[in-house]
Amino acid sequence: MEWFCGHYLAEPDHALDWRVSPLRAASLAGLAPAVVTTAWFDPLRDEGAAYARALEAAGVRVKHHEGPGLIHGYFGMGDASDVARAEAQRARADFKALLARGT
């Protein structure tokens, strides 16, 4: 993870910023509705699930999809996996519904 952070953050202490690590926010109340996707084989799976729970606890409308048997980059797998395609389509449908609703 340090290798990836080195490509994402200008300085290591930027990881302390809630905009980079939203679970560090004092409050998540008032954030826009969200769709959170995680995968079984993802180093960020637990943090993603915790974020979805924290959003829900803060009163934010959230949909959490946990891609069964999938890896972190499953959205880019296209037709290589029926499960990846179905999970990505389900998440896109939720995004579309949020956008159509406007809130």
PDB file of N, CA and C in Angstrom:
ATOM      1  N   MET A   1       0.826  -1.190   0.000  1.00  0.00           N
ATOM      2  CA  MET A   1       0.000   0.000   0.000  1.00  0.00           C
ATOM      3  C   MET A   1       0.870   1.254   0.000  1.00  0.00           C
ATOM      4  N   GLU A   2       2.016   1.189   0.659  1.00  0.00           N
ATOM      5  CA  GLU A   2       2.899   2.358   0.666  1.00  0.00           C
ATOM      6  C   GLU A   2       3.323   2.730  -0.753  1.00  0.00           C
ATOM      7  N   TRP A   3       3.586   1.726  -1.578  1.00  0.00           N
ATOM      8  CA  TRP A   3       3.988   1.989  -2.963  1.00  0.00           C
ATOM      9  C   TRP A   3       2.883   2.748  -3.691  1.00  0.00           C
ATOM     10  N   PHE A   4       1.627   2.324  -3.533  1.00  0.00           N
ATOM     11  CA  PHE A   4       0.510   3.001  -4.188  1.00  0.00           C
ATOM     12  C   PHE A   4       0.331   4.408  -3.636  1.00  0.00           C
ATOM     13  N   CYS A   5       0.434   4.557  -2.326  1.00  0.00           N
ATOM     14  CA  CYS A   5       0.295   5.885  -1.718  1.00  0.00           C
ATOM     15  C   CYS A   5       1.353   6.841  -2.244  1.00  0.00           C
ATOM     16  N   GLY A   6       2.544   6.334  -2.482  1.00  0.00           N
ATOM     17  CA  GLY A   6       3.611   7.165  -3.027  1.00  0.00           C
ATOM     18  C   GLY A   6       3.290   7.711  -4.406  1.00  0.00           C
ATOM     19  N   HIS A   7       2.408   7.050  -5.118  1.00  0.00           N
ATOM     20  CA  HIS A   7       1.990   7.517  -6.442  1.00  0.00           C
ATOM     21  C   HIS A   7       0.739   8.388  -6.375  1.00  0.00           C
ATOM     22  N   TYR A   8       0.061   8.346  -5.258  1.00  0.00           N
ATOM     23  CA  TYR A   8      -1.210   9.047  -5.104  1.00  0.00           C
ATOM     24  C   TYR A   8      -1.077  10.337  -4.300  1.00  0.00           C
ATOM     25  N   LEU A   9      -0.193  10.327  -3.313  1.00  0.00           N
ATOM     26  CA  LEU A   9      -0.052  11.460  -2.403  1.00  0.00           C
ATOM     27  C   LEU A   9       1.271  12.176  -2.626  1.00  0.00           C
ATOM     28  N   ALA A  10       1.230  13.502  -2.590  1.00  0.00           N
ATOM     29  CA  ALA A  10       2.466  14.278  -2.730  1.00  0.00           C
ATOM     30  C   ALA A  10       3.355  14.115  -1.499  1.00  0.00           C
ATOM     31  N   GLU A  11       2.738  14.009  -0.331  1.00  0.00           N
ATOM     32  CA  GLU A  11       3.454  13.843   0.938  1.00  0.00           C
ATOM     33  C   GLU A  11       2.761  12.748   1.748  1.00  0.00           C
ATOM     34  N   PRO A  12       3.502  11.923   2.462  1.00  0.00           N
ATOM     35  CA  PRO A  12       2.875  10.851   3.249  1.00  0.00           C
ATOM     36  C   PRO A  12       1.834  11.342   4.253  1.00  0.00           C
ATOM     37  N   ASP A  13       2.058  12.522   4.853  1.00  0.00           N
ATOM     38  CA  ASP A  13       1.099  13.001   5.850  1.00  0.00           C
ATOM     39  C   ASP A  13      -0.225  13.452   5.232  1.00  0.00           C
ATOM     40  N   HIS A  14      -0.287  13.552   3.904  1.00  0.00           N
ATOM     41  CA  HIS A  14      -1.561  13.861   3.253  1.00  0.00           C
ATOM     42  C   HIS A  14      -2.581  12.748   3.498  1.00  0.00           C
ATOM     43  N   ALA A  15      -2.115  11.557   3.833  1.00  0.00           N
ATOM     44  CA  ALA A  15      -3.018  10.443   4.130  1.00  0.00           C
ATOM     45  C   ALA A  15      -3.873  10.727   5.363  1.00  0.00           C
ATOM     46  N   LEU A  16      -3.465  11.681   6.177  1.00  0.00           N
ATOM     47  CA  LEU A  16      -4.236  12.042   7.364  1.00  0.00           C
ATOM     48  C   LEU A  16      -5.412  12.947   7.038  1.00  0.00           C
ATOM     49  N   ASP A  17      -5.437  13.516   5.854  1.00  0.00           N
ATOM     50  CA  ASP A  17      -6.508  14.422   5.427  1.00  0.00           C
ATOM     51  C   ASP A  17      -7.780  13.609   5.184  1.00  0.00           C
ATOM     52  N   TRP A  18      -8.890  14.043   5.750  1.00  0.00           N
ATOM     53  CA  TRP A  18     -10.140  13.292   5.618  1.00  0.00           C
ATOM     54  C   TRP A  18     -10.587  13.179   4.163  1.00  0.00           C
ATOM     55  N   ARG A  19     -10.156  14.107   3.308  1.00  0.00           N
ATOM     56  CA  ARG A  19     -10.552  14.025   1.895  1.00  0.00           C
ATOM     57  C   ARG A  19      -9.826  12.887   1.182  1.00  0.00           C
ATOM     58  N   VAL A  20      -8.723  12.437   1.749  1.00  0.00           N
ATOM     59  CA  VAL A  20      -7.993  11.279   1.230  1.00  0.00           C
ATOM     60  C   VAL A  20      -8.460  10.018   1.956  1.00  0.00           C
ATOM     61  N   SER A  21      -8.656  10.140   3.253  1.00  0.00           N
ATOM     62  CA  SER A  21      -9.083   9.025   4.103  1.00  0.00           C
ATOM     63  C   SER A  21     -10.384   9.425   4.790  1.00  0.00           C
ATOM     64  N   PRO A  22     -11.524   9.268   4.112  1.00  0.00           N
ATOM     65  CA  PRO A  22     -12.782   9.802   4.634  1.00  0.00           C
ATOM     66  C   PRO A  22     -13.191   9.268   5.998  1.00  0.00           C
ATOM     67  N   LEU A  23     -12.687   8.111   6.398  1.00  0.00           N
ATOM     68  CA  LEU A  23     -13.021   7.617   7.735  1.00  0.00           C
ATOM     69  C   LEU A  23     -12.404   8.484   8.827  1.00  0.00           C
ATOM     70  N   ARG A  24     -11.496   9.368   8.473  1.00  0.00           N
ATOM     71  CA  ARG A  24     -10.884  10.292   9.436  1.00  0.00           C
ATOM     72  C   ARG A  24     -11.723  11.558   9.635  1.00  0.00           C
ATOM     73  N   ALA A  25     -12.789  11.717   8.874  1.00  0.00           N
ATOM     74  CA  ALA A  25     -13.625  12.917   8.979  1.00  0.00           C
ATOM     75  C   ALA A  25     -14.292  12.984  10.349  1.00  0.00           C
ATOM     76  N   ALA A  26     -14.415  14.189  10.873  1.00  0.00           N
ATOM     77  CA  ALA A  26     -15.109  14.376  12.145  1.00  0.00           C
ATOM     78  C   ALA A  26     -16.570  13.955  12.018  1.00  0.00           C
ATOM     79  N   SER A  27     -17.153  14.200  10.852  1.00  0.00           N
ATOM     80  CA  SER A  27     -18.538  13.822  10.597  1.00  0.00           C
ATOM     81  C   SER A  27     -18.720  13.586   9.102  1.00  0.00           C
ATOM     82  N   LEU A  28     -19.525  12.613   8.773  1.00  0.00           N
ATOM     83  CA  LEU A  28     -19.872  12.351   7.375  1.00  0.00           C
ATOM     84  C   LEU A  28     -21.292  12.809   7.069  1.00  0.00           C
ATOM     85  N   ALA A  29     -21.976  13.350   8.079  1.00  0.00           N
ATOM     86  CA  ALA A  29     -23.348  13.817   7.896  1.00  0.00           C
ATOM     87  C   ALA A  29     -23.393  14.891   6.816  1.00  0.00           C
ATOM     88  N   GLY A  30     -24.425  14.838   6.016  1.00  0.00           N
ATOM     89  CA  GLY A  30     -24.617  15.847   4.985  1.00  0.00           C
ATOM     90  C   GLY A  30     -23.938  15.541   3.668  1.00  0.00           C
ATOM     91  N   LEU A  31     -23.182  14.449   3.607  1.00  0.00           N
ATOM     92  CA  LEU A  31     -22.559  14.090   2.332  1.00  0.00           C
ATOM     93  C   LEU A  31     -23.615  13.590   1.359  1.00  0.00           C
ATOM     94  N   ALA A  32     -23.295  13.670   0.093  1.00  0.00           N
ATOM     95  CA  ALA A  32     -24.198  13.189  -0.946  1.00  0.00           C
ATOM     96  C   ALA A  32     -24.366  11.678  -0.837  1.00  0.00           C
ATOM     97  N   PRO A  33     -25.490  11.160  -1.313  1.00  0.00           N
ATOM     98  CA  PRO A  33     -25.660   9.707  -1.349  1.00  0.00           C
ATOM     99  C   PRO A  33     -24.498   9.056  -2.085  1.00  0.00           C
ATOM    100  N   ALA A  34     -24.218   7.805  -1.739  1.00  0.00           N
ATOM    101  CA  ALA A  34     -23.031   7.154  -2.286  1.00  0.00           C
ATOM    102  C   ALA A  34     -23.300   5.706  -2.664  1.00  0.00           C
ATOM    103  N   VAL A  35     -22.533   5.252  -3.623  1.00  0.00           N
ATOM    104  CA  VAL A  35     -22.452   3.837  -3.961  1.00  0.00           C
ATOM    105  C   VAL A  35     -21.021   3.423  -3.655  1.00  0.00           C
ATOM    106  N   VAL A  36     -20.856   2.458  -2.772  1.00  0.00           N
ATOM    107  CA  VAL A  36     -19.533   1.981  -2.372  1.00  0.00           C
ATOM    108  C   VAL A  36     -19.392   0.543  -2.869  1.00  0.00           C
ATOM    109  N   THR A  37     -18.352   0.293  -3.630  1.00  0.00           N
ATOM    110  CA  THR A  37     -18.107  -1.064  -4.116  1.00  0.00           C
ATOM    111  C   THR A  37     -16.804  -1.581  -3.523  1.00  0.00           C
ATOM    112  N   THR A  38     -16.847  -2.815  -3.071  1.00  0.00           N
ATOM    113  CA  THR A  38     -15.651  -3.472  -2.568  1.00  0.00           C
ATOM    114  C   THR A  38     -15.570  -4.853  -3.217  1.00  0.00           C
ATOM    115  N   ALA A  39     -14.440  -5.485  -3.086  1.00  0.00           N
ATOM    116  CA  ALA A  39     -14.244  -6.822  -3.638  1.00  0.00           C
ATOM    117  C   ALA A  39     -13.675  -7.727  -2.553  1.00  0.00           C
ATOM    118  N   TRP A  40     -13.960  -8.998  -2.662  1.00  0.00           N
ATOM    119  CA  TRP A  40     -13.471  -9.934  -1.651  1.00  0.00           C
ATOM    120  C   TRP A  40     -11.960  -9.910  -1.537  1.00  0.00           C
ATOM    121  N   PHE A  41     -11.284  -9.848  -2.674  1.00  0.00           N
ATOM    122  CA  PHE A  41      -9.818  -9.894  -2.679  1.00  0.00           C
ATOM    123  C   PHE A  41      -9.271  -8.502  -2.979  1.00  0.00           C
ATOM    124  N   ASP A  42      -9.411  -7.630  -2.005  1.00  0.00           N
ATOM    125  CA  ASP A  42      -9.059  -6.224  -2.161  1.00  0.00           C
ATOM    126  C   ASP A  42      -8.420  -5.757  -0.862  1.00  0.00           C
ATOM    127  N   PRO A  43      -7.210  -5.196  -0.914  1.00  0.00           N
ATOM    128  CA  PRO A  43      -6.591  -4.737   0.330  1.00  0.00           C
ATOM    129  C   PRO A  43      -7.372  -3.610   1.004  1.00  0.00           C
ATOM    130  N   LEU A  44      -8.297  -2.985   0.288  1.00  0.00           N
ATOM    131  CA  LEU A  44      -9.096  -1.901   0.863  1.00  0.00           C
ATOM    132  C   LEU A  44     -10.526  -2.341   1.192  1.00  0.00           C
ATOM    133  N   ARG A  45     -10.791  -3.634   1.115  1.00  0.00           N
ATOM    134  CA  ARG A  45     -12.151  -4.136   1.335  1.00  0.00           C
ATOM    135  C   ARG A  45     -12.709  -3.724   2.693  1.00  0.00           C
ATOM    136  N   ASP A  46     -11.963  -3.967   3.755  1.00  0.00           N
ATOM    137  CA  ASP A  46     -12.475  -3.672   5.094  1.00  0.00           C
ATOM    138  C   ASP A  46     -12.715  -2.181   5.286  1.00  0.00           C
ATOM    139  N   GLU A  47     -11.811  -1.351   4.764  1.00  0.00           N
ATOM    140  CA  GLU A  47     -11.985   0.097   4.871  1.00  0.00           C
ATOM    141  C   GLU A  47     -13.205   0.557   4.073  1.00  0.00           C
ATOM    142  N   GLY A  48     -13.418  -0.029   2.907  1.00  0.00           N
ATOM    143  CA  GLY A  48     -14.589   0.328   2.101  1.00  0.00           C
ATOM    144  C   GLY A  48     -15.884  -0.029   2.802  1.00  0.00           C
ATOM    145  N   ALA A  49     -15.928  -1.215   3.397  1.00  0.00           N
ATOM    146  CA  ALA A  49     -17.121  -1.631   4.134  1.00  0.00           C
ATOM    147  C   ALA A  49     -17.334  -0.739   5.357  1.00  0.00           C
ATOM    148  N   ALA A  50     -16.255  -0.389   6.047  1.00  0.00           N
ATOM    149  CA  ALA A  50     -16.360   0.507   7.210  1.00  0.00           C
ATOM    150  C   ALA A  50     -16.864   1.880   6.780  1.00  0.00           C
ATOM    151  N   TYR A  51     -16.416   2.349   5.625  1.00  0.00           N
ATOM    152  CA  TYR A  51     -16.878   3.640   5.109  1.00  0.00           C
ATOM    153  C   TYR A  51     -18.378   3.587   4.823  1.00  0.00           C
ATOM    154  N   ALA A  52     -18.842   2.525   4.201  1.00  0.00           N
ATOM    155  CA  ALA A  52     -20.274   2.393   3.925  1.00  0.00           C
ATOM    156  C   ALA A  52     -21.074   2.401   5.225  1.00  0.00           C
ATOM    157  N   ARG A  53     -20.598   1.673   6.232  1.00  0.00           N
ATOM    158  CA  ARG A  53     -21.288   1.654   7.533  1.00  0.00           C
ATOM    159  C   ARG A  53     -21.273   3.034   8.188  1.00  0.00           C
ATOM    160  N   ALA A  54     -20.145   3.743   8.088  1.00  0.00           N
ATOM    161  CA  ALA A  54     -20.036   5.078   8.689  1.00  0.00           C
ATOM    162  C   ALA A  54     -20.970   6.062   7.995  1.00  0.00           C
ATOM    163  N   LEU A  55     -21.071   5.971   6.679  1.00  0.00           N
ATOM    164  CA  LEU A  55     -22.011   6.830   5.952  1.00  0.00           C
ATOM    165  C   LEU A  55     -23.436   6.565   6.423  1.00  0.00           C
ATOM    166  N   GLU A  56     -23.792   5.298   6.495  1.00  0.00           N
ATOM    167  CA  GLU A  56     -25.138   4.929   6.938  1.00  0.00           C
ATOM    168  C   GLU A  56     -25.404   5.431   8.355  1.00  0.00           C
ATOM    169  N   ALA A  57     -24.432   5.278   9.246  1.00  0.00           N
ATOM    170  CA  ALA A  57     -24.584   5.741  10.629  1.00  0.00           C
ATOM    171  C   ALA A  57     -24.744   7.256  10.704  1.00  0.00           C
ATOM    172  N   ALA A  58     -24.178   7.964   9.722  1.00  0.00           N
ATOM    173  CA  ALA A  58     -24.278   9.426   9.687  1.00  0.00           C
ATOM    174  C   ALA A  58     -25.558   9.893   8.996  1.00  0.00           C
ATOM    175  N   GLY A  59     -26.392   8.943   8.581  1.00  0.00           N
ATOM    176  CA  GLY A  59     -27.656   9.304   7.943  1.00  0.00           C
ATOM    177  C   GLY A  59     -27.558   9.528   6.447  1.00  0.00           C
ATOM    178  N   VAL A  60     -26.450   9.132   5.857  1.00  0.00           N
ATOM    179  CA  VAL A  60     -26.252   9.289   4.411  1.00  0.00           C
ATOM    180  C   VAL A  60     -26.823   8.053   3.717  1.00  0.00           C
ATOM    181  N   ARG A  61     -27.566   8.274   2.650  1.00  0.00           N
ATOM    182  CA  ARG A  61     -28.083   7.162   1.856  1.00  0.00           C
ATOM    183  C   ARG A  61     -26.911   6.500   1.138  1.00  0.00           C
ATOM    184  N   VAL A  62     -26.767   5.198   1.316  1.00  0.00           N
ATOM    185  CA  VAL A  62     -25.611   4.498   0.743  1.00  0.00           C
ATOM    186  C   VAL A  62     -26.019   3.104   0.288  1.00  0.00           C
ATOM    187  N   LYS A  63     -25.459   2.688  -0.817  1.00  0.00           N
ATOM    188  CA  LYS A  63     -25.566   1.304  -1.294  1.00  0.00           C
ATOM    189  C   LYS A  63     -24.158   0.737  -1.262  1.00  0.00           C
ATOM    190  N   HIS A  64     -24.005  -0.423  -0.656  1.00  0.00           N
ATOM    191  CA  HIS A  64     -22.694  -1.074  -0.612  1.00  0.00           C
ATOM    192  C   HIS A  64     -22.790  -2.397  -1.354  1.00  0.00           C
ATOM    193  N   HIS A  65     -21.930  -2.564  -2.331  1.00  0.00           N
ATOM    194  CA  HIS A  65     -21.849  -3.810  -3.087  1.00  0.00           C
ATOM    195  C   HIS A  65     -20.511  -4.460  -2.792  1.00  0.00           C
ATOM    196  N   GLU A  66     -20.564  -5.714  -2.384  1.00  0.00           N
ATOM    197  CA  GLU A  66     -19.337  -6.466  -2.128  1.00  0.00           C
ATOM    198  C   GLU A  66     -19.205  -7.508  -3.226  1.00  0.00           C
ATOM    199  N   GLY A  67     -18.250  -7.312  -4.121  1.00  0.00           N
ATOM    200  CA  GLY A  67     -18.077  -8.213  -5.259  1.00  0.00           C
ATOM    201  C   GLY A  67     -17.575  -9.579  -4.840  1.00  0.00           C
ATOM    202  N   PRO A  68     -18.444 -10.594  -4.841  1.00  0.00           N
ATOM    203  CA  PRO A  68     -18.040 -11.927  -4.388  1.00  0.00           C
ATOM    204  C   PRO A  68     -16.992 -12.559  -5.298  1.00  0.00           C
ATOM    205  N   GLY A  69     -15.891 -12.953  -4.697  1.00  0.00           N
ATOM    206  CA  GLY A  69     -14.832 -13.626  -5.441  1.00  0.00           C
ATOM    207  C   GLY A  69     -14.033 -12.733  -6.370  1.00  0.00           C
ATOM    208  N   LEU A  70     -14.222 -11.422  -6.266  1.00  0.00           N
ATOM    209  CA  LEU A  70     -13.585 -10.494  -7.207  1.00  0.00           C
ATOM    210  C   LEU A  70     -12.361  -9.814  -6.611  1.00  0.00           C
ATOM    211  N   ILE A  71     -11.543  -9.238  -7.506  1.00  0.00           N
ATOM    212  CA  ILE A  71     -10.347  -8.499  -7.112  1.00  0.00           C
ATOM    213  C   ILE A  71     -10.622  -7.003  -7.180  1.00  0.00           C
ATOM    214  N   HIS A  72      -9.709  -6.212  -6.644  1.00  0.00           N
ATOM    215  CA  HIS A  72      -9.859  -4.761  -6.576  1.00  0.00           C
ATOM    216  C   HIS A  72     -10.247  -4.130  -7.914  1.00  0.00           C
ATOM    217  N   GLY A  73      -9.638  -4.521  -8.989  1.00  0.00           N
ATOM    218  CA  GLY A  73      -9.875  -3.875 -10.276  1.00  0.00           C
ATOM    219  C   GLY A  73     -10.981  -4.483 -11.113  1.00  0.00           C
ATOM    220  N   TYR A  74     -11.983  -5.080 -10.479  1.00  0.00           N
ATOM    221  CA  TYR A  74     -12.978  -5.813 -11.259  1.00  0.00           C
ATOM    222  C   TYR A  74     -13.805  -4.946 -12.197  1.00  0.00           C
ATOM    223  N   PHE A  75     -13.918  -3.663 -11.926  1.00  0.00           N
ATOM    224  CA  PHE A  75     -14.677  -2.797 -12.832  1.00  0.00           C
ATOM    225  C   PHE A  75     -14.059  -2.773 -14.225  1.00  0.00           C
ATOM    226  N   GLY A  76     -12.768  -2.988 -14.311  1.00  0.00           N
ATOM    227  CA  GLY A  76     -12.093  -2.964 -15.604  1.00  0.00           C
ATOM    228  C   GLY A  76     -11.999  -4.315 -16.287  1.00  0.00           C
ATOM    229  N   MET A  77     -12.656  -5.322 -15.739  1.00  0.00           N
ATOM    230  CA  MET A  77     -12.542  -6.661 -16.311  1.00  0.00           C
ATOM    231  C   MET A  77     -13.449  -6.890 -17.517  1.00  0.00           C
ATOM    232  N   GLY A  78     -14.431  -6.021 -17.707  1.00  0.00           N
ATOM    233  CA  GLY A  78     -15.326  -6.169 -18.852  1.00  0.00           C
ATOM    234  C   GLY A  78     -16.002  -7.519 -18.877  1.00  0.00           C
ATOM    235  N   ASP A  79     -15.933  -8.169 -20.018  1.00  0.00           N
ATOM    236  CA  ASP A  79     -16.597  -9.458 -20.192  1.00  0.00           C
ATOM    237  C   ASP A  79     -15.727 -10.642 -19.786  1.00  0.00           C
ATOM    238  N   ALA A  80     -14.600 -10.401 -19.161  1.00  0.00           N
ATOM    239  CA  ALA A  80     -13.717 -11.497 -18.752  1.00  0.00           C
ATOM    240  C   ALA A  80     -14.330 -12.326 -17.624  1.00  0.00           C
ATOM    241  N   SER A  81     -15.299 -11.757 -16.919  1.00  0.00           N
ATOM    242  CA  SER A  81     -15.923 -12.449 -15.794  1.00  0.00           C
ATOM    243  C   SER A  81     -17.400 -12.079 -15.737  1.00  0.00           C
ATOM    244  N   ASP A  82     -18.260 -13.091 -15.724  1.00  0.00           N
ATOM    245  CA  ASP A  82     -19.698 -12.835 -15.610  1.00  0.00           C
ATOM    246  C   ASP A  82     -20.034 -12.143 -14.295  1.00  0.00           C
ATOM    247  N   VAL A  83     -19.382 -12.565 -13.217  1.00  0.00           N
ATOM    248  CA  VAL A  83     -19.645 -11.962 -11.906  1.00  0.00           C
ATOM    249  C   VAL A  83     -19.205 -10.503 -11.898  1.00  0.00           C
ATOM    250  N   ALA A  84     -18.023 -10.218 -12.442  1.00  0.00           N
ATOM    251  CA  ALA A  84     -17.532  -8.834 -12.491  1.00  0.00           C
ATOM    252  C   ALA A  84     -18.479  -7.968 -13.306  1.00  0.00           C
ATOM    253  N   ARG A  85     -18.915  -8.468 -14.443  1.00  0.00           N
ATOM    254  CA  ARG A  85     -19.833  -7.698 -15.287  1.00  0.00           C
ATOM    255  C   ARG A  85     -21.142  -7.417 -14.547  1.00  0.00           C
ATOM    256  N   ALA A  86     -21.696  -8.443 -13.891  1.00  0.00           N
ATOM    257  CA  ALA A  86     -22.958  -8.272 -13.174  1.00  0.00           C
ATOM    258  C   ALA A  86     -22.817  -7.288 -12.018  1.00  0.00           C
ATOM    259  N   GLU A  87     -21.734  -7.388 -11.260  1.00  0.00           N
ATOM    260  CA  GLU A  87     -21.525  -6.473 -10.131  1.00  0.00           C
ATOM    261  C   GLU A  87     -21.328  -5.039 -10.610  1.00  0.00           C
ATOM    262  N   ALA A  88     -20.573  -4.855 -11.670  1.00  0.00           N
ATOM    263  CA  ALA A  88     -20.363  -3.509 -12.212  1.00  0.00           C
ATOM    264  C   ALA A  88     -21.674  -2.942 -12.735  1.00  0.00           C
ATOM    265  N   GLN A  89     -22.487  -3.763 -13.396  1.00  0.00           N
ATOM    266  CA  GLN A  89     -23.777  -3.292 -13.897  1.00  0.00           C
ATOM    267  C   GLN A  89     -24.703  -2.915 -12.748  1.00  0.00           C
ATOM    268  N   ARG A  90     -24.660  -3.679 -11.681  1.00  0.00           N
ATOM    269  CA  ARG A  90     -25.505  -3.372 -10.520  1.00  0.00           C
ATOM    270  C   ARG A  90     -25.101  -2.036  -9.901  1.00  0.00           C
ATOM    271  N   ALA A  91     -23.805  -1.810  -9.756  1.00  0.00           N
ATOM    272  CA  ALA A  91     -23.331  -0.538  -9.199  1.00  0.00           C
ATOM    273  C   ALA A  91     -23.684   0.621 -10.125  1.00  0.00           C
ATOM    274  N   ARG A  92     -23.515   0.429 -11.436  1.00  0.00           N
ATOM    275  CA  ARG A  92     -23.871   1.496 -12.385  1.00  0.00           C
ATOM    276  C   ARG A  92     -25.358   1.815 -12.317  1.00  0.00           C
ATOM    277  N   ALA A  93     -26.194   0.806 -12.155  1.00  0.00           N
ATOM    278  CA  ALA A  93     -27.635   1.037 -12.035  1.00  0.00           C
ATOM    279  C   ALA A  93     -27.941   1.874 -10.797  1.00  0.00           C
ATOM    280  N   ASP A  94     -27.249   1.607  -9.702  1.00  0.00           N
ATOM    281  CA  ASP A  94     -27.454   2.405  -8.493  1.00  0.00           C
ATOM    282  C   ASP A  94     -26.988   3.846  -8.691  1.00  0.00           C
ATOM    283  N   PHE A  95     -25.837   4.032  -9.359  1.00  0.00           N
ATOM    284  CA  PHE A  95     -25.375   5.392  -9.668  1.00  0.00           C
ATOM    285  C   PHE A  95     -26.410   6.115 -10.524  1.00  0.00           C
ATOM    286  N   LYS A  96     -26.915   5.439 -11.528  1.00  0.00           N
ATOM    287  CA  LYS A  96     -27.906   6.038 -12.429  1.00  0.00           C
ATOM    288  C   LYS A  96     -29.151   6.454 -11.647  1.00  0.00           C
ATOM    289  N   ALA A  97     -29.605   5.601 -10.735  1.00  0.00           N
ATOM    290  CA  ALA A  97     -30.775   5.927  -9.921  1.00  0.00           C
ATOM    291  C   ALA A  97     -30.514   7.147  -9.041  1.00  0.00           C
ATOM    292  N   LEU A  98     -29.323   7.241  -8.460  1.00  0.00           N
ATOM    293  CA  LEU A  98     -28.986   8.413  -7.642  1.00  0.00           C
ATOM    294  C   LEU A  98     -28.999   9.682  -8.478  1.00  0.00           C
ATOM    295  N   LEU A  99     -28.423   9.613  -9.671  1.00  0.00           N
ATOM    296  CA  LEU A  99     -28.382  10.788 -10.542  1.00  0.00           C
ATOM    297  C   LEU A  99     -29.779  11.181 -11.002  1.00  0.00           C
ATOM    298  N   ALA A 100     -30.617  10.204 -11.311  1.00  0.00           N
ATOM    299  CA  ALA A 100     -31.978  10.496 -11.759  1.00  0.00           C
ATOM    300  C   ALA A 100     -32.794  11.133 -10.642  1.00  0.00           C
ATOM    301  N   ARG A 101     -32.532  10.701  -9.427  1.00  0.00           N
ATOM    302  CA  ARG A 101     -33.255  11.236  -8.275  1.00  0.00           C
ATOM    303  C   ARG A 101     -32.798  12.652  -7.941  1.00  0.00           C
ATOM    304  N   GLY A 102     -31.531  12.934  -8.200  1.00  0.00           N
ATOM    305  CA  GLY A 102     -31.013  14.281  -7.975  1.00  0.00           C
ATOM    306  C   GLY A 102     -30.544  14.556  -6.563  1.00  0.00           C
ATOM    307  N   THR A 103     -30.616  13.587  -5.681  1.00  0.00           N
ATOM    308  CA  THR A 103     -30.124  13.766  -4.308  1.00  0.00           C
ATOM    309  C   THR A 103     -29.445  12.513  -3.836  1.00  0.00           C
TER     310      THR A 103
END
